[in-house]
Amino acid sequence: MHKGFTALLSGAFLLGAFSSSSNYQLQDYGVGSGGTNSAQSATYKLNANTGQTSGGTASGGTITSKSGQTQARQANVPNAPTLGNGSGTYSNKLDCTINKGGNDASDYTYSIAISSDNFVTTLYVQADGTLGVTPVYRSYVAWGGATGSQIIGLSGNTTYKVKVNAMQGTFTASQYGPAASSNTINPSLSFSVSPGSISLGSLTPGSVISGGSNLSFTFATNAASGGAIYVKGQYAGLFSTAANYTISAVNADLTTQGQGFGLRGSGVSQTSGGPLVIASPFNGSSNTVGAASSTYQQLVTSGASVIGGAANAVVLGKSSFNTPSAGDYQEVLTFVAAANF
């Protein structure tokens, strides 16, 4: 008699169906394996959830809705920031004001992304306004609040797009919102001085003598912070090689001086912008002059961009009865213009 063995085979079947009713159907859901809710090290943080809908999205032309605890607690996507280019005067910077998009609590922070190639390449505004490769999150107040802050170190004649995201702690960072765009301009500066030389003629002892013609300047720049015309004198006065003597440049009213030499600015104007002003010590009247020293000093200045700027300056000299007689007294004046971009 043989003993019989009976083998019992059992099969495991997993049945599944979308959860639904006559009014809805869950298209995407799952139950994870459980485990720790969060974990972290010095280099990462992990957030895990179980038993929730995973990452499905619903979107329209103006909104995107995500399900799940992690997505639901993300900050609102900020609106496009407000950009400014100094009314068309910035060549290397832009003004930027964050629009919070409903993230009104004080603990929200924001980062600012910028690109000149439609975000094929993306850089991020750093705390000092320069650009870097890593996002920097700061509060609305730290980014200048309603006044905003400046993005600096940009290229001229370039269109930039800027967008902002927000977060309120770990795992809450939003997507970057819609971008605003603005452009920088090409920097410009123009300047001239004429004539190339003037003659004081004979200096009569005790008399203030002016040159036969005024020095005339033109100045224009689109620099947002304007600029200036600077002057310096090679000899810091009227120097004679033959007599080895200098009639020194002075900051004074030559009427009351025994001798001296200097410049007095006059007749500033501009088509628009500015205004141009004569800088001290060259802003005196009548025979009061400023000394063109051996270092550059501002002669004419503007604190803003200026179009069609013009100015004049008169050169005045005076000798005394003790001044050595010579026919080669001269000064070499150098004028330089600079803009504050």
C-alpha atoms as a PDB file:
ATOM      1  CA  MET A   1       0.000   0.000   0.000  1.00  0.00           C
ATOM      2  CA  HIS A   2       1.410   3.220  -0.979  1.00  0.00           C
ATOM      3  CA  LYS A   3       0.961   6.286   1.016  1.00  0.00           C
ATOM      4  CA  GLY A   4      -0.565   9.124  -0.974  1.00  0.00           C
ATOM      5  CA  PHE A   5       0.467  12.676  -0.892  1.00  0.00           C
ATOM      6  CA  THR A   6      -1.888  15.427  -1.714  1.00  0.00           C
ATOM      7  CA  ALA A   7      -0.439  18.743  -2.871  1.00  0.00           C
ATOM      8  CA  LEU A   8      -2.487  21.804  -2.260  1.00  0.00           C
ATOM      9  CA  LEU A   9      -1.781  24.731  -4.448  1.00  0.00           C
ATOM     10  CA  SER A  10      -3.010  28.131  -3.521  1.00  0.00           C
ATOM     11  CA  GLY A  11      -2.918  31.247  -5.661  1.00  0.00           C
ATOM     12  CA  ALA A  12      -2.711  34.868  -4.563  1.00  0.00           C
ATOM     13  CA  PHE A  13      -4.702  37.335  -6.619  1.00  0.00           C
ATOM     14  CA  LEU A  14      -4.513  41.167  -6.309  1.00  0.00           C
ATOM     15  CA  LEU A  15      -7.616  42.854  -7.456  1.00  0.00           C
ATOM     16  CA  GLY A  16      -7.749  46.626  -7.946  1.00  0.00           C
ATOM     17  CA  ALA A  17     -10.064  49.205  -9.319  1.00  0.00           C
ATOM     18  CA  PHE A  18     -10.286  52.988  -9.326  1.00  0.00           C
ATOM     19  CA  SER A  19     -12.286  54.326  -6.438  1.00  0.00           C
ATOM     20  CA  SER A  20     -15.283  56.046  -7.915  1.00  0.00           C
ATOM     21  CA  SER A  21     -18.912  56.981  -7.630  1.00  0.00           C
ATOM     22  CA  SER A  22     -21.422  58.522  -9.987  1.00  0.00           C
ATOM     23  CA  ASN A  23     -19.940  61.918  -9.137  1.00  0.00           C
ATOM     24  CA  TYR A  24     -16.155  61.416  -8.996  1.00  0.00           C
ATOM     25  CA  GLN A  25     -13.290  59.094  -9.772  1.00  0.00           C
ATOM     26  CA  LEU A  26      -9.848  59.139  -8.139  1.00  0.00           C
ATOM     27  CA  GLN A  27      -7.456  58.787 -11.024  1.00  0.00           C
ATOM     28  CA  ASP A  28      -4.254  58.528  -9.004  1.00  0.00           C
ATOM     29  CA  TYR A  29      -3.759  57.280  -5.461  1.00  0.00           C
ATOM     30  CA  GLY A  30      -1.686  54.795  -3.526  1.00  0.00           C
ATOM     31  CA  VAL A  31      -0.654  53.510  -0.124  1.00  0.00           C
ATOM     32  CA  GLY A  32       3.026  53.594   0.658  1.00  0.00           C
ATOM     33  CA  SER A  33       5.036  51.220   2.791  1.00  0.00           C
ATOM     34  CA  GLY A  34       5.017  53.437   5.829  1.00  0.00           C
ATOM     35  CA  GLY A  35       8.105  54.452   7.759  1.00  0.00           C
ATOM     36  CA  THR A  36       9.503  57.557   9.262  1.00  0.00           C
ATOM     37  CA  ASN A  37       7.767  60.855   8.594  1.00  0.00           C
ATOM     38  CA  SER A  38      10.973  62.803   8.034  1.00  0.00           C
ATOM     39  CA  ALA A  39      14.709  62.226   8.006  1.00  0.00           C
ATOM     40  CA  GLN A  40      17.678  64.444   7.497  1.00  0.00           C
ATOM     41  CA  SER A  41      21.456  64.738   7.482  1.00  0.00           C
ATOM     42  CA  ALA A  42      23.890  67.554   6.986  1.00  0.00           C
ATOM     43  CA  THR A  43      23.235  67.501   3.243  1.00  0.00           C
ATOM     44  CA  TYR A  44      19.553  66.582   2.750  1.00  0.00           C
ATOM     45  CA  LYS A  45      16.091  66.498   4.245  1.00  0.00           C
ATOM     46  CA  LEU A  46      13.397  63.956   3.399  1.00  0.00           C
ATOM     47  CA  ASN A  47       9.669  64.250   3.958  1.00  0.00           C
ATOM     48  CA  ALA A  48       7.471  61.139   3.552  1.00  0.00           C
ATOM     49  CA  ASN A  49       3.714  60.540   3.672  1.00  0.00           C
ATOM     50  CA  THR A  50       1.552  57.434   3.391  1.00  0.00           C
ATOM     51  CA  GLY A  51      -2.037  56.867   2.448  1.00  0.00           C
ATOM     52  CA  GLN A  52      -2.522  60.015   0.398  1.00  0.00           C
ATOM     53  CA  THR A  53      -3.153  60.912  -3.175  1.00  0.00           C
ATOM     54  CA  SER A  54       0.186  61.323  -4.955  1.00  0.00           C
ATOM     55  CA  GLY A  55       1.040  64.285  -7.066  1.00  0.00           C
ATOM     56  CA  GLY A  56      -1.886  64.518  -9.452  1.00  0.00           C
ATOM     57  CA  THR A  57      -2.439  67.967 -10.875  1.00  0.00           C
ATOM     58  CA  ALA A  58      -5.314  69.980 -12.209  1.00  0.00           C
ATOM     59  CA  SER A  59      -4.584  73.131 -14.119  1.00  0.00           C
ATOM     60  CA  GLY A  60      -6.135  75.874 -16.186  1.00  0.00           C
ATOM     61  CA  GLY A  61      -4.956  78.938 -18.001  1.00  0.00           C
ATOM     62  CA  THR A  62      -4.184  80.842 -14.821  1.00  0.00           C
ATOM     63  CA  ILE A  63      -4.008  78.275 -11.971  1.00  0.00           C
ATOM     64  CA  THR A  64      -2.453  74.928 -11.097  1.00  0.00           C
ATOM     65  CA  SER A  65      -3.814  72.809  -8.237  1.00  0.00           C
ATOM     66  CA  LYS A  66      -1.839  69.965  -6.655  1.00  0.00           C
ATOM     67  CA  SER A  67      -3.130  67.361  -4.237  1.00  0.00           C
ATOM     68  CA  GLY A  68      -1.268  65.836  -1.339  1.00  0.00           C
ATOM     69  CA  GLN A  69      -0.090  67.181   1.977  1.00  0.00           C
ATOM     70  CA  THR A  70       3.355  68.276   0.779  1.00  0.00           C
ATOM     71  CA  GLN A  71       2.105  70.156  -2.246  1.00  0.00           C
ATOM     72  CA  ALA A  72      -0.805  71.673  -0.358  1.00  0.00           C
ATOM     73  CA  ARG A  73       1.401  73.300   2.235  1.00  0.00           C
ATOM     74  CA  GLN A  74       3.642  75.012  -0.304  1.00  0.00           C
ATOM     75  CA  ALA A  75       3.638  78.817  -0.354  1.00  0.00           C
ATOM     76  CA  ASN A  76       1.567  80.677  -2.895  1.00  0.00           C
ATOM     77  CA  VAL A  77       3.340  81.316  -6.180  1.00  0.00           C
ATOM     78  CA  PRO A  78       4.319  85.033  -6.147  1.00  0.00           C
ATOM     79  CA  ASN A  79       3.084  87.346  -8.852  1.00  0.00           C
ATOM     80  CA  ALA A  80       5.519  88.811 -11.375  1.00  0.00           C
ATOM     81  CA  PRO A  81       7.856  91.331  -9.714  1.00  0.00           C
ATOM     82  CA  THR A  82       7.864  95.005 -10.634  1.00  0.00           C
ATOM     83  CA  LEU A  83      10.998  96.030 -12.544  1.00  0.00           C
ATOM     84  CA  GLY A  84      12.359  99.484 -13.341  1.00  0.00           C
ATOM     85  CA  ASN A  85      15.265 100.780 -15.407  1.00  0.00           C
ATOM     86  CA  GLY A  86      15.453 104.294 -13.998  1.00  0.00           C
ATOM     87  CA  SER A  87      13.099 105.685 -16.652  1.00  0.00           C
ATOM     88  CA  GLY A  88      15.439 104.417 -19.332  1.00  0.00           C
ATOM     89  CA  THR A  89      18.719 105.496 -17.706  1.00  0.00           C
ATOM     90  CA  TYR A  90      20.152 102.279 -16.185  1.00  0.00           C
ATOM     91  CA  SER A  91      22.932 100.575 -18.123  1.00  0.00           C
ATOM     92  CA  ASN A  92      24.105  98.065 -15.507  1.00  0.00           C
ATOM     93  CA  LYS A  93      21.292  97.580 -12.990  1.00  0.00           C
ATOM     94  CA  LEU A  94      17.530  97.243 -12.521  1.00  0.00           C
ATOM     95  CA  ASP A  95      15.110  98.106  -9.716  1.00  0.00           C
ATOM     96  CA  CYS A  96      13.132  95.091  -8.472  1.00  0.00           C
ATOM     97  CA  THR A  97      10.133  95.005  -6.111  1.00  0.00           C
ATOM     98  CA  ILE A  98       8.662  91.654  -5.034  1.00  0.00           C
ATOM     99  CA  ASN A  99       4.898  91.118  -5.325  1.00  0.00           C
ATOM    100  CA  LYS A 100       4.074  88.709  -2.508  1.00  0.00           C
ATOM    101  CA  GLY A 101       1.051  87.024  -4.094  1.00  0.00           C
ATOM    102  CA  GLY A 102      -0.820  86.555  -0.817  1.00  0.00           C
ATOM    103  CA  ASN A 103       2.171  85.342   1.209  1.00  0.00           C
ATOM    104  CA  ASP A 104       1.584  88.014   3.819  1.00  0.00           C
ATOM    105  CA  ALA A 105       3.033  86.471   6.996  1.00  0.00           C
ATOM    106  CA  SER A 106       6.372  87.940   8.053  1.00  0.00           C
ATOM    107  CA  ASP A 107       8.143  84.557   8.041  1.00  0.00           C
ATOM    108  CA  TYR A 108       7.821  84.034   4.290  1.00  0.00           C
ATOM    109  CA  THR A 109      11.101  84.290   2.392  1.00  0.00           C
ATOM    110  CA  TYR A 110      11.746  84.776  -1.313  1.00  0.00           C
ATOM    111  CA  SER A 111      14.422  84.132  -3.905  1.00  0.00           C
ATOM    112  CA  ILE A 112      14.819  86.060  -7.155  1.00  0.00           C
ATOM    113  CA  ALA A 113      15.820  84.353 -10.410  1.00  0.00           C
ATOM    114  CA  ILE A 114      17.088  86.305 -13.419  1.00  0.00           C
ATOM    115  CA  SER A 115      17.993  85.438 -16.991  1.00  0.00           C
ATOM    116  CA  SER A 116      18.994  87.173 -20.198  1.00  0.00           C
ATOM    117  CA  ASP A 117      18.201  84.153 -22.414  1.00  0.00           C
ATOM    118  CA  ASN A 118      14.637  83.254 -21.397  1.00  0.00           C
ATOM    119  CA  PHE A 119      15.889  81.040 -18.543  1.00  0.00           C
ATOM    120  CA  VAL A 120      18.005  78.760 -20.668  1.00  0.00           C
ATOM    121  CA  THR A 121      20.592  79.988 -18.184  1.00  0.00           C
ATOM    122  CA  THR A 122      19.399  81.086 -14.748  1.00  0.00           C
ATOM    123  CA  LEU A 123      21.219  83.083 -12.111  1.00  0.00           C
ATOM    124  CA  TYR A 124      19.981  84.268  -8.736  1.00  0.00           C
ATOM    125  CA  VAL A 125      20.127  87.636  -7.005  1.00  0.00           C
ATOM    126  CA  GLN A 126      22.404  87.563  -3.977  1.00  0.00           C
ATOM    127  CA  ALA A 127      21.962  89.551  -0.761  1.00  0.00           C
ATOM    128  CA  ASP A 128      24.238  92.335  -2.036  1.00  0.00           C
ATOM    129  CA  GLY A 129      22.363  92.630  -5.344  1.00  0.00           C
ATOM    130  CA  THR A 130      24.980  90.834  -7.435  1.00  0.00           C
ATOM    131  CA  LEU A 131      24.271  87.591  -9.329  1.00  0.00           C
ATOM    132  CA  GLY A 132      25.229  84.053  -8.309  1.00  0.00           C
ATOM    133  CA  VAL A 133      24.460  80.439  -9.121  1.00  0.00           C
ATOM    134  CA  THR A 134      22.707  79.628  -5.814  1.00  0.00           C
ATOM    135  CA  PRO A 135      19.274  80.952  -4.746  1.00  0.00           C
ATOM    136  CA  VAL A 136      19.318  83.242  -1.718  1.00  0.00           C
ATOM    137  CA  TYR A 137      16.128  83.390   0.389  1.00  0.00           C
ATOM    138  CA  ARG A 138      15.384  86.616   2.252  1.00  0.00           C
ATOM    139  CA  SER A 139      12.318  88.193   3.798  1.00  0.00           C
ATOM    140  CA  TYR A 140      10.170  90.699   1.930  1.00  0.00           C
ATOM    141  CA  VAL A 141      11.574  93.456   4.159  1.00  0.00           C
ATOM    142  CA  ALA A 142      15.173  92.343   3.532  1.00  0.00           C
ATOM    143  CA  TRP A 143      14.510  92.598  -0.226  1.00  0.00           C
ATOM    144  CA  GLY A 144      13.509  96.239   0.311  1.00  0.00           C
ATOM    145  CA  GLY A 145       9.774  95.815   0.971  1.00  0.00           C
ATOM    146  CA  ALA A 146       7.537  98.097  -1.061  1.00  0.00           C
ATOM    147  CA  THR A 147      10.566 100.180  -2.085  1.00  0.00           C
ATOM    148  CA  GLY A 148      12.377  97.182  -3.519  1.00  0.00           C
ATOM    149  CA  SER A 149      16.090  96.691  -4.122  1.00  0.00           C
ATOM    150  CA  GLN A 150      18.508  96.861  -7.017  1.00  0.00           C
ATOM    151  CA  ILE A 151      19.933  94.061  -9.126  1.00  0.00           C
ATOM    152  CA  ILE A 152      23.450  95.169 -10.057  1.00  0.00           C
ATOM    153  CA  GLY A 153      26.342  94.039 -12.234  1.00  0.00           C
ATOM    154  CA  LEU A 154      24.192  93.651 -15.354  1.00  0.00           C
ATOM    155  CA  SER A 155      25.234  94.073 -18.987  1.00  0.00           C
ATOM    156  CA  GLY A 156      24.266  97.105 -21.046  1.00  0.00           C
ATOM    157  CA  ASN A 157      21.729  96.998 -23.871  1.00  0.00           C
ATOM    158  CA  THR A 158      20.263  93.707 -22.609  1.00  0.00           C
ATOM    159  CA  THR A 159      16.729  92.518 -21.856  1.00  0.00           C
ATOM    160  CA  TYR A 160      16.379  90.595 -18.586  1.00  0.00           C
ATOM    161  CA  LYS A 161      13.548  88.453 -17.252  1.00  0.00           C
ATOM    162  CA  VAL A 162      13.053  88.182 -13.487  1.00  0.00           C
ATOM    163  CA  LYS A 163      10.807  85.842 -11.475  1.00  0.00           C
ATOM    164  CA  VAL A 164      10.326  85.064  -7.796  1.00  0.00           C
ATOM    165  CA  ASN A 165       9.437  82.066  -5.627  1.00  0.00           C
ATOM    166  CA  ALA A 166       8.457  81.891  -1.947  1.00  0.00           C
ATOM    167  CA  MET A 167       8.664  79.534   1.014  1.00  0.00           C
ATOM    168  CA  GLN A 168       7.664  79.420   4.669  1.00  0.00           C
ATOM    169  CA  GLY A 169      10.046  76.852   6.076  1.00  0.00           C
ATOM    170  CA  THR A 170      11.224  73.416   4.989  1.00  0.00           C
ATOM    171  CA  PHE A 171       9.275  71.642   2.211  1.00  0.00           C
ATOM    172  CA  THR A 172       7.173  74.720   1.410  1.00  0.00           C
ATOM    173  CA  ALA A 173       9.036  76.307  -1.513  1.00  0.00           C
ATOM    174  CA  SER A 174       6.712  77.286  -4.325  1.00  0.00           C
ATOM    175  CA  GLN A 175       7.366  77.206  -8.014  1.00  0.00           C
ATOM    176  CA  TYR A 176       8.788  80.362  -9.552  1.00  0.00           C
ATOM    177  CA  GLY A 177       6.029  82.699 -10.628  1.00  0.00           C
ATOM    178  CA  PRO A 178       5.500  84.529 -13.900  1.00  0.00           C
ATOM    179  CA  ALA A 179       8.406  86.651 -15.128  1.00  0.00           C
ATOM    180  CA  ALA A 180       8.611  90.387 -15.648  1.00  0.00           C
ATOM    181  CA  SER A 181      11.054  91.835 -18.154  1.00  0.00           C
ATOM    182  CA  SER A 182      13.000  95.068 -18.507  1.00  0.00           C
ATOM    183  CA  ASN A 183      16.057  96.215 -20.374  1.00  0.00           C
ATOM    184  CA  THR A 184      19.280  98.047 -19.696  1.00  0.00           C
ATOM    185  CA  ILE A 185      20.634 100.685 -22.084  1.00  0.00           C
ATOM    186  CA  ASN A 186      23.969 101.353 -23.739  1.00  0.00           C
ATOM    187  CA  PRO A 187      25.982 103.751 -21.547  1.00  0.00           C
ATOM    188  CA  SER A 188      26.803 107.070 -23.179  1.00  0.00           C
ATOM    189  CA  LEU A 189      28.975 110.063 -22.337  1.00  0.00           C
ATOM    190  CA  SER A 190      29.879 113.031 -24.555  1.00  0.00           C
ATOM    191  CA  PHE A 191      32.096 115.996 -23.681  1.00  0.00           C
ATOM    192  CA  SER A 192      33.966 118.817 -25.396  1.00  0.00           C
ATOM    193  CA  VAL A 193      35.974 121.910 -24.481  1.00  0.00           C
ATOM    194  CA  SER A 194      36.930 124.873 -26.651  1.00  0.00           C
ATOM    195  CA  PRO A 195      39.018 126.766 -27.558  1.00  0.00           C
ATOM    196  CA  GLY A 196      42.246 124.799 -27.263  1.00  0.00           C
ATOM    197  CA  SER A 197      44.103 127.786 -25.845  1.00  0.00           C
ATOM    198  CA  ILE A 198      43.464 131.323 -24.628  1.00  0.00           C
ATOM    199  CA  SER A 199      45.735 134.285 -23.953  1.00  0.00           C
ATOM    200  CA  LEU A 200      45.610 136.518 -20.909  1.00  0.00           C
ATOM    201  CA  GLY A 201      47.726 139.111 -22.719  1.00  0.00           C
ATOM    202  CA  SER A 202      49.900 141.388 -20.629  1.00  0.00           C
ATOM    203  CA  LEU A 203      49.295 141.225 -16.892  1.00  0.00           C
ATOM    204  CA  THR A 204      49.207 144.785 -15.587  1.00  0.00           C
ATOM    205  CA  PRO A 205      50.421 144.874 -11.987  1.00  0.00           C
ATOM    206  CA  GLY A 206      47.546 145.409  -9.580  1.00  0.00           C
ATOM    207  CA  SER A 207      44.827 144.683 -12.186  1.00  0.00           C
ATOM    208  CA  VAL A 208      42.679 141.563 -12.610  1.00  0.00           C
ATOM    209  CA  ILE A 209      42.964 140.395 -16.211  1.00  0.00           C
ATOM    210  CA  SER A 210      40.648 137.898 -17.917  1.00  0.00           C
ATOM    211  CA  GLY A 211      41.293 135.835 -21.013  1.00  0.00           C
ATOM    212  CA  GLY A 212      40.231 137.074 -24.400  1.00  0.00           C
ATOM    213  CA  SER A 213      37.457 134.429 -24.528  1.00  0.00           C
ATOM    214  CA  ASN A 214      35.663 132.070 -22.204  1.00  0.00           C
ATOM    215  CA  LEU A 215      36.256 128.334 -22.066  1.00  0.00           C
ATOM    216  CA  SER A 216      33.110 126.570 -23.329  1.00  0.00           C
ATOM    217  CA  PHE A 217      32.080 123.025 -22.399  1.00  0.00           C
ATOM    218  CA  THR A 218      29.436 120.583 -23.586  1.00  0.00           C
ATOM    219  CA  PHE A 219      28.430 117.599 -21.467  1.00  0.00           C
ATOM    220  CA  ALA A 220      25.793 114.869 -21.786  1.00  0.00           C
ATOM    221  CA  THR A 221      25.336 111.404 -20.309  1.00  0.00           C
ATOM    222  CA  ASN A 222      22.551 108.880 -19.785  1.00  0.00           C
ATOM    223  CA  ALA A 223      24.106 107.729 -16.500  1.00  0.00           C
ATOM    224  CA  ALA A 224      21.388 107.638 -13.857  1.00  0.00           C
ATOM    225  CA  SER A 225      23.655 109.318 -11.300  1.00  0.00           C
ATOM    226  CA  GLY A 226      24.992 111.928 -13.692  1.00  0.00           C
ATOM    227  CA  GLY A 227      28.653 112.862 -13.822  1.00  0.00           C
ATOM    228  CA  ALA A 228      31.123 115.729 -13.764  1.00  0.00           C
ATOM    229  CA  ILE A 229      33.797 117.678 -15.615  1.00  0.00           C
ATOM    230  CA  TYR A 230      37.094 117.758 -13.722  1.00  0.00           C
ATOM    231  CA  VAL A 231      40.068 120.124 -14.013  1.00  0.00           C
ATOM    232  CA  LYS A 232      43.677 120.143 -12.873  1.00  0.00           C
ATOM    233  CA  GLY A 233      46.625 122.457 -13.525  1.00  0.00           C
ATOM    234  CA  GLN A 234      50.087 121.291 -14.463  1.00  0.00           C
ATOM    235  CA  TYR A 235      51.838 124.086 -12.547  1.00  0.00           C
ATOM    236  CA  ALA A 236      49.077 125.001 -10.044  1.00  0.00           C
ATOM    237  CA  GLY A 237      49.401 128.576 -11.309  1.00  0.00           C
ATOM    238  CA  LEU A 238      51.034 130.647 -14.056  1.00  0.00           C
ATOM    239  CA  PHE A 239      54.625 129.472 -14.372  1.00  0.00           C
ATOM    240  CA  SER A 240      57.530 131.206 -16.133  1.00  0.00           C
ATOM    241  CA  THR A 241      60.523 129.097 -17.123  1.00  0.00           C
ATOM    242  CA  ALA A 242      62.532 132.217 -17.904  1.00  0.00           C
ATOM    243  CA  ALA A 243      61.883 133.782 -14.506  1.00  0.00           C
ATOM    244  CA  ASN A 244      61.588 130.445 -12.679  1.00  0.00           C
ATOM    245  CA  TYR A 245      58.566 131.893 -10.898  1.00  0.00           C
ATOM    246  CA  THR A 246      54.919 130.893 -10.376  1.00  0.00           C
ATOM    247  CA  ILE A 247      51.935 133.165  -9.896  1.00  0.00           C
ATOM    248  CA  SER A 248      50.120 130.688  -7.667  1.00  0.00           C
ATOM    249  CA  ALA A 249      46.554 129.492  -8.211  1.00  0.00           C
ATOM    250  CA  VAL A 250      44.346 130.649  -5.330  1.00  0.00           C
ATOM    251  CA  ASN A 251      40.840 130.250  -3.947  1.00  0.00           C
ATOM    252  CA  ALA A 252      40.158 133.924  -3.371  1.00  0.00           C
ATOM    253  CA  ASP A 253      38.781 137.212  -4.626  1.00  0.00           C
ATOM    254  CA  LEU A 254      41.635 138.472  -6.802  1.00  0.00           C
ATOM    255  CA  THR A 255      40.503 142.041  -6.169  1.00  0.00           C
ATOM    256  CA  THR A 256      41.930 141.818  -2.660  1.00  0.00           C
ATOM    257  CA  GLN A 257      44.995 139.716  -3.553  1.00  0.00           C
ATOM    258  CA  GLY A 258      48.430 141.015  -4.431  1.00  0.00           C
ATOM    259  CA  GLN A 259      48.632 138.437  -7.210  1.00  0.00           C
ATOM    260  CA  GLY A 260      46.985 135.152  -8.162  1.00  0.00           C
ATOM    261  CA  PHE A 261      45.419 132.983 -10.822  1.00  0.00           C
ATOM    262  CA  GLY A 262      42.234 130.917 -11.087  1.00  0.00           C
ATOM    263  CA  LEU A 263      39.018 129.904 -12.858  1.00  0.00           C
ATOM    264  CA  ARG A 264      35.405 130.910 -12.349  1.00  0.00           C
ATOM    265  CA  GLY A 265      32.559 128.860 -13.831  1.00  0.00           C
ATOM    266  CA  SER A 266      29.463 130.491 -15.319  1.00  0.00           C
ATOM    267  CA  GLY A 267      26.495 130.049 -17.621  1.00  0.00           C
ATOM    268  CA  VAL A 268      25.412 126.441 -17.003  1.00  0.00           C
ATOM    269  CA  SER A 269      22.378 125.110 -18.908  1.00  0.00           C
ATOM    270  CA  GLN A 270      20.869 121.878 -20.243  1.00  0.00           C
ATOM    271  CA  THR A 271      18.175 120.791 -22.659  1.00  0.00           C
ATOM    272  CA  SER A 272      16.770 118.343 -20.108  1.00  0.00           C
ATOM    273  CA  GLY A 273      17.806 116.388 -17.031  1.00  0.00           C
ATOM    274  CA  GLY A 274      20.496 117.495 -14.660  1.00  0.00           C
ATOM    275  CA  PRO A 275      20.682 120.209 -13.614  1.00  0.00           C
ATOM    276  CA  LEU A 276      24.320 121.103 -14.193  1.00  0.00           C
ATOM    277  CA  VAL A 277      25.874 123.138 -11.398  1.00  0.00           C
ATOM    278  CA  ILE A 278      29.232 124.819 -10.923  1.00  0.00           C
ATOM    279  CA  ALA A 279      31.173 123.101  -8.146  1.00  0.00           C
ATOM    280  CA  SER A 280      32.970 124.851  -5.298  1.00  0.00           C
ATOM    281  CA  PRO A 281      35.479 126.548  -5.290  1.00  0.00           C
ATOM    282  CA  PHE A 282      34.804 127.566  -8.899  1.00  0.00           C
ATOM    283  CA  ASN A 283      31.298 128.914  -8.204  1.00  0.00           C
ATOM    284  CA  GLY A 284      32.267 132.419  -7.128  1.00  0.00           C
ATOM    285  CA  SER A 285      31.184 135.689  -8.691  1.00  0.00           C
ATOM    286  CA  SER A 286      32.998 138.634 -10.251  1.00  0.00           C
ATOM    287  CA  ASN A 287      36.756 138.208  -9.536  1.00  0.00           C
ATOM    288  CA  THR A 288      36.413 135.359  -7.031  1.00  0.00           C
ATOM    289  CA  VAL A 289      38.171 132.286  -8.481  1.00  0.00           C
ATOM    290  CA  GLY A 290      38.989 128.695  -7.635  1.00  0.00           C
ATOM    291  CA  ALA A 291      42.476 127.226  -7.806  1.00  0.00           C
ATOM    292  CA  ALA A 292      43.177 124.570 -10.439  1.00  0.00           C
ATOM    293  CA  SER A 293      45.524 122.469  -8.314  1.00  0.00           C
ATOM    294  CA  SER A 294      47.776 119.598  -9.432  1.00  0.00           C
ATOM    295  CA  THR A 295      45.022 117.068  -8.607  1.00  0.00           C
ATOM    296  CA  TYR A 296      41.659 116.749 -10.346  1.00  0.00           C
ATOM    297  CA  GLN A 297      38.765 118.761  -8.893  1.00  0.00           C
ATOM    298  CA  GLN A 298      35.129 118.935  -9.970  1.00  0.00           C
ATOM    299  CA  LEU A 299      34.367 121.994 -12.070  1.00  0.00           C
ATOM    300  CA  VAL A 300      30.823 121.209 -13.301  1.00  0.00           C
ATOM    301  CA  THR A 301      28.597 118.453 -11.901  1.00  0.00           C
ATOM    302  CA  SER A 302      25.201 116.813 -12.381  1.00  0.00           C
ATOM    303  CA  GLY A 303      23.514 114.390 -10.012  1.00  0.00           C
ATOM    304  CA  ALA A 304      21.317 112.863 -12.741  1.00  0.00           C
ATOM    305  CA  SER A 305      21.398 112.105 -16.445  1.00  0.00           C
ATOM    306  CA  VAL A 306      21.607 115.198 -18.585  1.00  0.00           C
ATOM    307  CA  ILE A 307      20.960 116.020 -22.241  1.00  0.00           C
ATOM    308  CA  GLY A 308      22.442 119.040 -23.995  1.00  0.00           C
ATOM    309  CA  GLY A 309      24.496 120.277 -21.060  1.00  0.00           C
ATOM    310  CA  ALA A 310      26.635 123.371 -21.533  1.00  0.00           C
ATOM    311  CA  ALA A 311      28.834 125.536 -19.316  1.00  0.00           C
ATOM    312  CA  ASN A 312      31.419 128.286 -19.491  1.00  0.00           C
ATOM    313  CA  ALA A 313      34.452 129.245 -17.443  1.00  0.00           C
ATOM    314  CA  VAL A 314      36.570 132.387 -17.374  1.00  0.00           C
ATOM    315  CA  VAL A 315      40.302 132.420 -16.599  1.00  0.00           C
ATOM    316  CA  LEU A 316      41.537 135.304 -14.428  1.00  0.00           C
ATOM    317  CA  GLY A 317      45.038 136.395 -13.452  1.00  0.00           C
ATOM    318  CA  LYS A 318      46.720 139.192 -11.521  1.00  0.00           C
ATOM    319  CA  SER A 319      50.334 140.184 -11.094  1.00  0.00           C
ATOM    320  CA  SER A 320      51.948 142.504  -8.577  1.00  0.00           C
ATOM    321  CA  PHE A 321      54.755 145.037  -8.856  1.00  0.00           C
ATOM    322  CA  ASN A 322      57.035 142.404  -7.316  1.00  0.00           C
ATOM    323  CA  THR A 323      56.174 139.720  -9.905  1.00  0.00           C
ATOM    324  CA  PRO A 324      59.232 139.025 -12.099  1.00  0.00           C
ATOM    325  CA  SER A 325      58.688 140.249 -15.648  1.00  0.00           C
ATOM    326  CA  ALA A 326      58.693 137.525 -18.312  1.00  0.00           C
ATOM    327  CA  GLY A 327      56.875 136.742 -21.517  1.00  0.00           C
ATOM    328  CA  ASP A 328      56.363 133.007 -21.012  1.00  0.00           C
ATOM    329  CA  TYR A 329      53.961 132.708 -18.051  1.00  0.00           C
ATOM    330  CA  GLN A 330      51.621 129.818 -18.771  1.00  0.00           C
ATOM    331  CA  GLU A 331      49.446 127.109 -17.267  1.00  0.00           C
ATOM    332  CA  VAL A 332      48.383 123.827 -18.878  1.00  0.00           C
ATOM    333  CA  LEU A 333      44.830 122.957 -17.823  1.00  0.00           C
ATOM    334  CA  THR A 334      43.566 119.395 -18.317  1.00  0.00           C
ATOM    335  CA  PHE A 335      39.817 118.716 -18.361  1.00  0.00           C
ATOM    336  CA  VAL A 336      38.329 115.245 -17.954  1.00  0.00           C
ATOM    337  CA  ALA A 337      34.680 114.146 -17.952  1.00  0.00           C
ATOM    338  CA  ALA A 338      33.332 111.095 -16.120  1.00  0.00           C
ATOM    339  CA  ALA A 339      29.865 109.588 -15.591  1.00  0.00           C
ATOM    340  CA  ASN A 340      28.407 107.773 -12.573  1.00  0.00           C
ATOM    341  CA  PHE A 341      26.645 104.699 -13.955  1.00  0.00           C
END
